[in-house]
Protein backbone atom coordinates (compact mmCIF):
# COMPACT_ATOMS: atom_id res chain seq x y z
CA UNK A 1 232.31 -26.70 41.95
CA UNK A 2 230.61 -27.29 38.56
CA UNK A 3 227.19 -26.76 37.84
CA UNK A 4 224.98 -29.05 35.64
CA UNK A 5 223.83 -27.39 32.34
CA UNK A 6 220.33 -28.07 33.74
CA UNK A 7 220.97 -25.84 36.91
CA UNK A 8 222.65 -23.20 35.07
CA UNK A 9 219.87 -22.76 32.72
CA UNK A 10 217.66 -22.63 35.92
CA UNK A 11 219.58 -19.67 37.26
CA UNK A 12 219.70 -17.71 33.94
CA UNK A 13 215.92 -17.92 33.89
CA UNK A 14 215.59 -16.92 37.54
CA UNK A 15 217.81 -13.94 36.87
CA UNK A 16 215.55 -12.71 33.90
CA UNK A 17 212.53 -13.24 36.05
CA UNK A 18 213.80 -11.09 38.58
CA UNK A 19 214.97 -7.97 36.34
CA UNK A 20 211.34 -8.29 34.29
CA UNK A 21 209.99 -7.93 37.64
CA UNK A 22 211.85 -4.90 38.72
CA UNK A 23 211.19 -3.26 35.12
CA UNK A 24 207.62 -3.74 35.71
CA UNK A 25 207.62 -2.36 39.13
CA UNK A 26 209.65 0.36 38.04
CA UNK A 27 207.33 1.12 35.06
CA UNK A 28 203.95 1.14 37.40
CA UNK A 29 205.85 3.58 39.69
CA UNK A 30 206.79 6.14 37.49
CA UNK A 31 203.71 5.98 35.25
CA UNK A 32 202.57 8.64 33.05
CA UNK A 33 202.36 12.29 34.36
CA UNK A 34 199.13 13.33 35.19
CA UNK A 35 198.26 17.12 34.36
CA UNK A 36 195.00 18.39 35.68
CA UNK A 37 193.61 21.29 33.54
CA UNK A 38 190.80 23.62 34.96
CA UNK A 39 188.70 25.35 32.23
CA UNK A 40 186.58 28.39 33.31
CA UNK A 41 184.25 28.22 30.38
CA UNK A 42 184.76 24.95 28.85
CA UNK A 43 187.52 23.15 26.89
CA UNK A 44 186.30 24.60 23.49
CA UNK A 45 185.11 28.15 24.68
CA UNK A 46 187.20 31.21 22.53
CA UNK A 47 189.68 32.93 23.10
CA UNK A 48 190.83 30.41 25.89
CA UNK A 49 190.27 27.47 23.40
CA UNK A 50 193.67 27.92 21.24
CA UNK A 51 195.70 28.75 24.49
CA UNK A 52 194.65 25.39 25.97
CA UNK A 53 195.17 23.59 22.88
CA UNK A 54 198.51 24.82 22.46
CA UNK A 55 199.49 23.99 25.57
CA UNK A 56 198.30 20.53 25.46
CA UNK A 57 199.89 19.92 21.96
CA UNK A 58 203.21 21.54 22.71
CA UNK A 59 203.36 19.81 26.12
CA UNK A 60 202.56 16.20 24.76
CA UNK A 61 205.35 17.03 22.06
CA UNK A 62 208.45 17.90 24.37
CA UNK A 63 207.71 15.71 27.14
CA UNK A 64 210.16 12.74 27.62
CA UNK A 65 207.19 10.97 29.65
CA UNK A 66 203.88 10.05 28.66
CA UNK A 67 201.09 12.40 29.82
CA UNK A 68 197.96 11.66 31.20
CA UNK A 69 195.59 15.01 30.64
CA UNK A 70 192.58 15.50 32.74
CA UNK A 71 190.16 18.12 31.79
CA UNK A 72 187.80 19.74 34.21
CA UNK A 73 185.20 22.47 33.11
CA UNK A 74 183.85 24.63 35.55
CA UNK A 75 181.48 26.80 33.42
CA UNK A 76 181.72 29.73 35.33
CA UNK A 77 179.94 31.79 32.85
CA UNK A 78 177.95 32.88 35.89
CA UNK A 79 178.82 33.09 39.63
CA UNK A 80 178.32 29.51 41.30
CA UNK A 81 176.86 29.24 44.32
CA UNK A 82 178.53 27.79 47.69
CA UNK A 83 176.84 24.41 47.09
CA UNK A 84 177.95 24.08 43.49
CA UNK A 85 181.59 24.78 44.34
CA UNK A 86 181.60 22.20 47.05
CA UNK A 87 180.16 19.53 44.82
CA UNK A 88 182.94 20.13 42.26
CA UNK A 89 185.75 20.30 44.91
CA UNK A 90 184.37 16.94 46.06
CA UNK A 91 184.59 15.64 42.79
CA UNK A 92 188.08 16.68 42.04
CA UNK A 93 189.29 14.96 45.46
CA UNK A 94 187.63 11.72 44.16
CA UNK A 95 189.34 11.94 40.90
CA UNK A 96 192.59 12.00 42.34
CA UNK A 97 191.97 10.12 45.75
CA UNK A 98 195.03 7.74 44.84
CA UNK A 99 197.77 10.30 44.02
CA UNK A 100 197.39 14.15 43.57
CA UNK A 101 198.35 15.50 39.80
CA UNK A 102 201.81 16.23 39.30
CA UNK A 103 200.74 19.59 37.99
CA UNK A 104 197.66 21.90 38.13
CA UNK A 105 196.86 24.08 35.13
CA UNK A 106 194.37 26.89 35.21
CA UNK A 107 192.88 28.23 32.10
CA UNK A 108 191.24 31.84 32.50
CA UNK A 109 190.80 33.91 35.63
CA UNK A 110 187.95 32.36 37.24
CA UNK A 111 189.29 28.78 37.07
CA UNK A 112 192.35 30.47 38.91
CA UNK A 113 190.33 32.49 41.54
CA UNK A 114 188.44 28.94 41.94
CA UNK A 115 191.66 26.75 42.72
CA UNK A 116 193.23 29.37 44.73
CA UNK A 117 190.08 29.55 47.21
CA UNK A 118 190.07 25.66 47.41
CA UNK A 119 193.76 24.63 46.95
CA UNK A 120 194.26 23.59 50.68
CA UNK A 121 191.71 21.19 50.48
CA UNK A 122 192.46 19.99 46.90
CA UNK A 123 196.38 19.63 46.25
CA UNK A 124 198.48 22.09 48.47
CA UNK A 125 201.85 20.11 47.51
CA UNK A 126 201.26 20.09 43.52
CA UNK A 127 202.88 22.90 41.36
CA UNK A 128 200.23 25.41 39.73
CA UNK A 129 200.50 27.00 36.30
CA UNK A 130 198.05 29.99 35.92
CA UNK A 131 197.44 30.97 32.35
CA UNK A 132 195.23 32.65 30.15
CA UNK A 133 194.59 35.64 32.12
CA UNK A 134 195.98 39.33 31.97
CA UNK A 135 198.86 40.93 34.27
CA UNK A 136 196.23 42.99 35.89
CA UNK A 137 194.31 40.12 37.14
CA UNK A 138 197.39 38.12 38.05
CA UNK A 139 198.48 40.64 40.62
CA UNK A 140 195.31 40.32 42.49
CA UNK A 141 195.69 36.53 42.91
CA UNK A 142 198.01 34.77 45.82
CA UNK A 143 199.85 32.30 43.81
CA UNK A 144 202.58 30.54 46.00
CA UNK A 145 206.49 30.58 45.39
CA UNK A 146 206.56 27.03 43.61
CA UNK A 147 203.94 28.29 41.04
CA UNK A 148 204.42 29.67 37.57
CA UNK A 149 202.10 32.06 35.72
CA UNK A 150 202.15 33.06 31.93
CA UNK A 151 199.91 36.26 31.71
CA UNK A 152 199.32 38.79 28.56
CA UNK A 153 199.83 42.71 28.66
CA UNK A 154 197.08 43.72 26.67
CA UNK A 155 198.20 47.32 25.59
CA UNK A 156 194.61 48.65 25.68
CA UNK A 157 195.70 52.49 24.35
CA UNK A 158 197.34 50.72 21.54
CA UNK A 159 193.89 49.38 20.42
CA UNK A 160 192.45 52.75 20.21
CA UNK A 161 195.67 53.94 18.39
CA UNK A 162 195.56 51.37 15.57
CA UNK A 163 192.08 52.43 14.83
CA UNK A 164 192.77 56.14 14.58
CA UNK A 165 196.07 55.33 12.50
CA UNK A 166 194.36 53.38 9.78
CA UNK A 167 191.01 55.41 10.30
CA UNK A 168 191.92 58.88 10.87
CA UNK A 169 188.50 60.41 10.43
CA UNK A 170 186.82 57.78 13.28
CA UNK A 171 184.51 59.96 15.62
CA UNK A 172 182.94 57.17 17.51
CA UNK A 173 184.10 53.98 18.60
CA UNK A 174 181.39 50.96 19.57
CA UNK A 175 182.97 48.79 22.28
CA UNK A 176 181.54 45.28 22.20
CA UNK A 177 181.71 43.83 25.68
CA UNK A 178 179.31 41.53 28.03
CA UNK A 179 178.06 41.93 31.34
CA UNK A 180 179.38 38.95 33.43
CA UNK A 181 182.00 39.62 36.33
CA UNK A 182 184.94 39.32 34.14
CA UNK A 183 183.83 41.55 31.47
CA UNK A 184 182.77 44.46 34.12
CA UNK A 185 186.22 44.26 35.30
CA UNK A 186 187.51 44.93 31.91
CA UNK A 187 185.04 47.58 30.97
CA UNK A 188 186.47 49.51 34.00
CA UNK A 189 189.95 49.19 32.72
CA UNK A 190 188.72 50.13 29.04
CA UNK A 191 186.88 53.31 30.50
CA UNK A 192 190.01 54.37 32.60
CA UNK A 193 192.82 53.88 30.03
CA UNK A 194 190.47 55.17 27.05
CA UNK A 195 190.04 58.39 29.11
CA UNK A 196 193.56 59.77 27.28
CA UNK A 197 191.48 60.11 24.15
CA UNK A 198 188.71 62.21 25.41
CA UNK A 199 187.72 65.25 22.89
CA UNK A 200 189.66 63.22 20.16
CA UNK A 201 186.85 60.26 19.71
CA UNK A 202 183.90 59.17 21.46
CA UNK A 203 183.06 55.66 22.83
CA UNK A 204 179.80 54.12 23.03
CA UNK A 205 179.41 51.07 25.23
CA UNK A 206 177.19 47.96 24.69
CA UNK A 207 177.06 45.98 27.46
CA UNK A 208 173.75 46.74 28.42
CA UNK A 209 172.49 45.03 25.03
CA UNK A 210 171.80 41.36 24.45
CA UNK A 211 173.68 40.07 21.11
CA UNK A 212 170.93 40.57 19.03
CA UNK A 213 170.61 44.45 20.12
CA UNK A 214 174.12 44.46 19.42
CA UNK A 215 173.87 43.42 16.18
CA UNK A 216 171.01 45.69 15.30
CA UNK A 217 172.94 48.54 16.56
CA UNK A 218 176.31 47.58 14.82
CA UNK A 219 174.19 47.22 11.66
CA UNK A 220 173.19 51.06 11.75
CA UNK A 221 176.41 53.00 12.85
CA UNK A 222 176.96 56.55 11.40
CA UNK A 223 179.46 57.30 8.92
CA UNK A 224 183.02 57.54 10.70
CA UNK A 225 182.46 55.12 12.92
CA UNK A 226 184.33 51.60 13.99
CA UNK A 227 184.13 48.70 16.40
CA UNK A 228 186.02 47.49 18.92
CA UNK A 229 185.46 43.91 19.74
CA UNK A 230 186.81 43.22 23.34
CA UNK A 231 184.69 40.23 25.16
CA UNK A 232 181.55 38.50 24.78
CA UNK A 233 181.13 35.81 27.65
CA UNK A 234 177.60 36.61 28.85
CA UNK A 235 175.41 39.46 27.22
CA UNK A 236 172.82 41.78 29.07
CA UNK A 237 170.05 39.22 28.61
CA UNK A 238 172.43 36.75 30.67
CA UNK A 239 172.88 34.33 27.74
CA UNK A 240 176.33 32.94 27.16
CA UNK A 241 178.17 33.35 23.87
CA UNK A 242 181.22 31.89 22.76
CA UNK A 243 183.64 34.38 21.26
CA UNK A 244 183.95 33.75 17.77
CA UNK A 245 180.83 32.99 17.16
CA UNK A 246 179.49 35.86 18.23
CA UNK A 247 181.90 37.85 16.19
CA UNK A 248 180.50 36.38 13.02
CA UNK A 249 177.22 37.22 13.83
CA UNK A 250 178.17 40.85 14.39
CA UNK A 251 180.72 41.00 11.17
CA UNK A 252 177.53 39.66 9.00
CA UNK A 253 175.65 42.91 9.28
CA UNK A 254 178.44 45.63 10.53
CA UNK A 255 177.99 48.62 8.75
CA UNK A 256 181.63 49.83 9.91
CA UNK A 257 185.06 47.86 10.22
CA UNK A 258 185.49 45.72 13.38
CA UNK A 259 188.91 45.61 15.17
CA UNK A 260 189.77 43.05 18.18
CA UNK A 261 192.06 41.75 20.49
CA UNK A 262 193.15 38.05 19.94
CA UNK A 263 195.14 36.29 17.30
CA UNK A 264 192.16 33.64 16.62
CA UNK A 265 189.82 36.52 15.78
CA UNK A 266 192.03 37.22 12.55
CA UNK A 267 190.61 35.96 9.44
CA UNK A 268 187.28 35.56 10.95
CA UNK A 269 185.90 39.21 10.78
CA UNK A 270 188.18 41.64 12.31
CA UNK A 271 190.32 44.10 10.28
CA UNK A 272 193.43 43.61 12.44
CA UNK A 273 196.13 45.54 14.16
CA UNK A 274 198.17 44.60 17.20
CA UNK A 275 197.00 41.23 18.71
CA UNK A 276 197.58 38.98 21.69
CA UNK A 277 199.25 35.39 20.53
CA UNK A 278 197.42 32.77 22.29
CA UNK A 279 199.44 30.16 20.57
CA UNK A 280 202.64 31.95 22.13
CA UNK A 281 200.94 31.90 25.55
CA UNK A 282 200.07 28.06 25.20
CA UNK A 283 203.92 27.40 24.49
CA UNK A 284 205.03 28.95 27.33
CA UNK A 285 202.57 27.11 29.62
CA UNK A 286 203.81 24.25 28.58
CA UNK A 287 207.24 25.33 29.36
CA UNK A 288 206.27 26.23 32.86
CA UNK A 289 204.61 22.76 33.43
CA UNK A 290 207.61 20.93 32.17
CA UNK A 291 210.10 22.72 34.41
CA UNK A 292 207.53 22.64 37.37
CA UNK A 293 208.05 18.84 37.40
CA UNK A 294 211.92 18.69 36.29
CA UNK A 295 213.81 21.07 38.71
CA UNK A 296 213.40 22.25 42.47
CA UNK A 297 210.81 24.28 43.51
CA UNK A 298 211.80 28.07 43.30
CA UNK A 299 211.77 30.44 46.21
CA UNK A 300 209.28 32.82 44.13
CA UNK A 301 207.09 32.53 41.57
CA UNK A 302 207.93 32.50 37.98
CA UNK A 303 205.96 34.89 36.10
CA UNK A 304 205.94 35.47 32.12
CA UNK A 305 204.22 38.25 30.90
CA UNK A 306 203.65 38.31 26.92
CA UNK A 307 202.88 41.32 25.17
CA UNK A 308 201.11 42.17 21.95
CA UNK A 309 202.70 41.02 18.44
CA UNK A 310 203.58 43.22 15.67
CA UNK A 311 200.20 44.60 13.79
CA UNK A 312 198.46 41.94 11.33
CA UNK A 313 195.88 42.75 8.79
CA UNK A 314 193.21 41.06 6.94
CA UNK A 315 193.18 41.96 3.43
CA UNK A 316 189.58 41.20 2.52
CA UNK A 317 188.54 43.31 5.36
CA UNK A 318 190.92 46.10 4.26
CA UNK A 319 189.34 45.49 0.91
CA UNK A 320 185.77 45.49 2.15
CA UNK A 321 186.03 48.86 4.21
CA UNK A 322 188.06 50.56 1.67
CA UNK A 323 190.94 51.29 4.04
CA UNK A 324 194.11 52.82 2.57
CA UNK A 325 197.09 50.06 2.84
CA UNK A 326 199.50 53.04 3.07
CA UNK A 327 198.16 54.17 6.29
CA UNK A 328 199.06 50.63 7.84
CA UNK A 329 202.19 50.91 10.30
CA UNK A 330 205.38 49.99 8.65
CA UNK A 331 206.14 46.62 10.18
CA UNK A 332 202.53 45.57 9.50
CA UNK A 333 201.99 42.13 7.83
CA UNK A 334 198.99 41.63 5.26
CA UNK A 335 197.43 37.98 5.58
CA UNK A 336 194.84 36.36 3.06
CA UNK A 337 195.75 38.37 0.47
CA UNK A 338 194.42 36.65 -2.98
CA UNK A 339 197.40 34.85 -4.49
CA UNK A 340 198.52 36.46 -7.61
CA UNK A 341 198.74 34.42 -10.96
CA UNK A 342 202.23 33.85 -10.50
CA UNK A 343 201.71 32.62 -7.20
CA UNK A 344 198.82 30.48 -8.00
CA UNK A 345 199.86 28.76 -11.02
CA UNK A 346 203.46 28.97 -10.89
CA UNK A 347 204.32 25.60 -12.20
CA UNK A 348 201.65 25.97 -14.84
CA UNK A 349 203.21 29.43 -15.93
CA UNK A 350 206.90 28.07 -15.98
CA UNK A 351 205.88 25.04 -18.31
CA UNK A 352 203.90 27.55 -20.62
CA UNK A 353 206.75 30.03 -20.70
CA UNK A 354 208.96 27.10 -21.31
CA UNK A 355 206.79 25.78 -24.04
CA UNK A 356 206.41 29.15 -25.87
CA UNK A 357 210.21 29.66 -25.64
CA UNK A 358 210.81 26.43 -26.99
CA UNK A 359 208.44 27.28 -29.85
CA UNK A 360 209.84 30.61 -30.26
CA UNK A 361 213.31 29.29 -30.53
CA UNK A 362 211.99 26.60 -32.72
CA UNK A 363 210.57 29.04 -35.24
CA UNK A 364 213.64 31.24 -35.23
CA UNK A 365 215.68 28.52 -36.11
CA UNK A 366 213.11 27.58 -39.13
CA UNK A 367 213.18 30.86 -40.16
CA UNK A 368 217.01 31.45 -40.13
CA UNK A 369 217.06 27.88 -42.18
CA UNK A 370 214.57 29.26 -44.44
CA UNK A 371 216.76 32.30 -45.01
CA UNK A 372 219.83 30.21 -45.54
CA UNK A 373 218.17 27.85 -47.96
CA UNK A 374 216.83 30.84 -50.00
CA UNK A 375 220.33 32.33 -50.09
CA UNK A 376 222.06 28.89 -51.36
CA UNK A 377 219.07 28.59 -53.84
CA UNK A 378 219.78 32.10 -55.01
CA UNK A 379 223.49 31.37 -54.92
CA UNK A 380 222.75 28.21 -56.90
CA UNK A 381 221.01 29.86 -59.40
CA UNK A 382 223.28 32.60 -59.72
CA UNK A 383 226.32 30.01 -60.08
CA UNK A 384 223.87 27.92 -62.55
CA UNK A 385 223.54 31.21 -64.60
CA UNK A 386 227.25 32.12 -64.57
CA UNK A 387 228.04 28.43 -65.79
CA UNK A 388 225.50 28.67 -68.73
CA UNK A 389 227.20 32.18 -69.38
CA UNK A 390 230.44 30.76 -69.55
CA UNK A 391 229.20 27.99 -71.45
CA UNK A 392 227.49 30.28 -74.03
CA UNK A 393 230.58 32.69 -74.18
CA UNK A 394 232.68 29.57 -74.81
CA UNK A 395 230.69 28.30 -77.82
CA UNK A 396 230.37 32.06 -79.22
CA UNK A 397 233.91 31.97 -79.25
CA UNK A 398 234.33 28.55 -80.79
CA UNK A 399 231.50 29.73 -83.60
CA UNK A 400 233.32 33.22 -84.08
CA UNK A 401 236.79 31.01 -84.68
CA UNK A 402 234.99 28.67 -86.86
CA UNK A 403 233.47 31.14 -89.13
CA UNK A 404 235.92 33.80 -89.35
CA UNK A 405 238.89 31.86 -89.58
CA UNK A 406 238.61 28.27 -90.37
CA UNK A 407 235.85 28.59 -92.80
CA UNK A 408 237.79 31.54 -94.43
CA UNK A 409 240.87 29.21 -94.82
CA UNK A 410 238.84 26.47 -96.13
CA UNK A 411 237.27 28.70 -98.67
CA UNK A 412 240.95 29.72 -99.64
CA UNK A 413 241.79 26.52 -99.95
CA UNK A 414 238.88 25.67 -102.64
CA UNK A 415 239.58 28.79 -104.51
CA UNK A 416 243.32 27.62 -105.04
CA UNK A 417 241.99 24.25 -105.57
CA UNK A 418 240.07 25.86 -108.58
CA UNK A 419 242.91 27.87 -109.90
CA UNK A 420 245.12 24.69 -110.13
CA UNK A 421 242.36 22.79 -111.84
CA UNK A 422 242.52 25.21 -114.68
CA UNK A 423 246.04 24.73 -115.33
CA UNK A 424 246.12 20.95 -114.61
CA UNK A 425 247.42 19.44 -118.09
CA UNK A 426 246.25 15.87 -117.81
CA UNK A 427 242.29 14.97 -117.18
CA UNK A 428 243.23 12.70 -114.31
CA UNK A 429 244.97 15.67 -112.52
CA UNK A 430 241.66 17.83 -113.46
CA UNK A 431 239.60 15.44 -111.83
CA UNK A 432 241.53 14.80 -108.88
CA UNK A 433 241.57 18.72 -108.01
CA UNK A 434 237.92 19.14 -108.91
CA UNK A 435 237.24 16.42 -106.37
CA UNK A 436 239.50 18.28 -104.01
CA UNK A 437 237.73 21.30 -104.78
CA UNK A 438 234.36 20.06 -103.97
CA UNK A 439 235.70 18.37 -100.73
CA UNK A 440 236.69 21.74 -99.53
CA UNK A 441 233.51 23.25 -100.43
CA UNK A 442 231.71 20.92 -98.76
CA UNK A 443 233.88 20.99 -95.58
CA UNK A 444 233.53 24.81 -95.51
CA UNK A 445 229.49 24.38 -95.34
CA UNK A 446 229.94 21.88 -92.76
CA UNK A 447 232.06 23.92 -90.62
CA UNK A 448 229.88 27.06 -91.20
CA UNK A 449 226.88 25.06 -89.95
CA UNK A 450 228.57 23.83 -87.13
CA UNK A 451 229.66 27.59 -86.45
CA UNK A 452 225.68 28.51 -86.68
CA UNK A 453 224.69 25.65 -84.41
CA UNK A 454 226.94 26.68 -81.80
CA UNK A 455 225.76 30.37 -81.65
CA UNK A 456 223.46 31.54 -84.23
CA UNK A 457 224.48 35.03 -85.19
CA UNK A 458 220.96 36.16 -85.69
CA UNK A 459 220.40 35.57 -81.82
CA UNK A 460 223.09 38.11 -81.13
CA UNK A 461 221.98 40.66 -84.02
CA UNK A 462 217.88 40.41 -83.87
CA UNK A 463 217.39 38.85 -80.53
CA UNK A 464 215.76 35.40 -79.14
CA UNK A 465 212.32 35.72 -80.90
CA UNK A 466 213.78 36.32 -84.51
CA UNK A 467 216.28 33.43 -83.56
CA UNK A 468 213.44 31.01 -82.60
CA UNK A 469 211.26 32.02 -85.95
CA UNK A 470 214.32 31.67 -88.26
CA UNK A 471 215.06 28.17 -86.42
């Protein structure tokens, strides 16, 4: 049965409407991936801020789906009370009332502990990525089989070994560390692992001081001292501090070089050494998040432990404290070195060098041309002199032949004509011979004069001055 064109157009339009509806429903069902990030001390709190920023950037770049990031800041620089924790749990439940997030990411140990305490009443089926903490703390956390963790491995003895390598005369190391619960844990770890250096170097712990008092102490350290900047979250006065801001405060008046732990501290006042890469941790956390929603749940947690990177040093701090660069480990990298003239002005140097080379080549070419021109001039002068000499020789030869040969022959003919005149009989013959004799005498005088003009004998006999005077 044939359909009318109108019916055919209506059916095609209906098919398009149905397809558009299915696409819209599919897009609404899929939606963007939702990532809940729990920050222990705030999104911009160092040293965790670099990890969080790298995680967000790398995940958004690598994900084939759009992502909706939701940040929640716990501000756990102090221990919260039960009411505050309950309020925050209710906030998170209300925020994701319609559907749970696709993955939960914790930044720092306090956020991980908080979420694991309340996971059962929040999002028990949602995959979890634990990050920005050390493997020592990770071992204490009850993470599930479907979870992932990216932890650092801070080699504490390597920090002291680095100081003693570049400053072998060090007698005292002042350790900057705060007094929060997390920092008390780290002080115990530092003391335990630094015990192997007893008898080699002494340690001064500044956790009982406020930041102002720390600054005063570091400004008056004795000779052969160094500073290890460990953690600064809350000082002994109970005041929270951002890690890098506190470092800059201490560095401004320090009387000894400062050594740190984290990548973000390089270039901010620490001399350098082996460090924990926060960017690498953030990238590995992004990989774990992508894996959590793109593959079946594993039977056991995925643990990723990242150790220290090769040592890096700040040229400016090495110069400031006169640290011998020959003492640096062989695989060291030096950053922030002032560029050489060649590195900073490479284009200008190349252009100037090219101009100088061109000018030098031009000067050499001009000198060669000048030498060749003078050589040609000398050759021309020499050739001209030779021509003049040849002409003068030829004139001399002609003058000599005229004087010595032609003139003598003419004189002989004149004498013969005079003799013939004496023997002539008639007056007519005598008159003719006399005319011939006079003509020969006159011709002889003319030839002699011509010979003199060609080459005066006085020029050759007496020289140029006498010849000019005679002339």
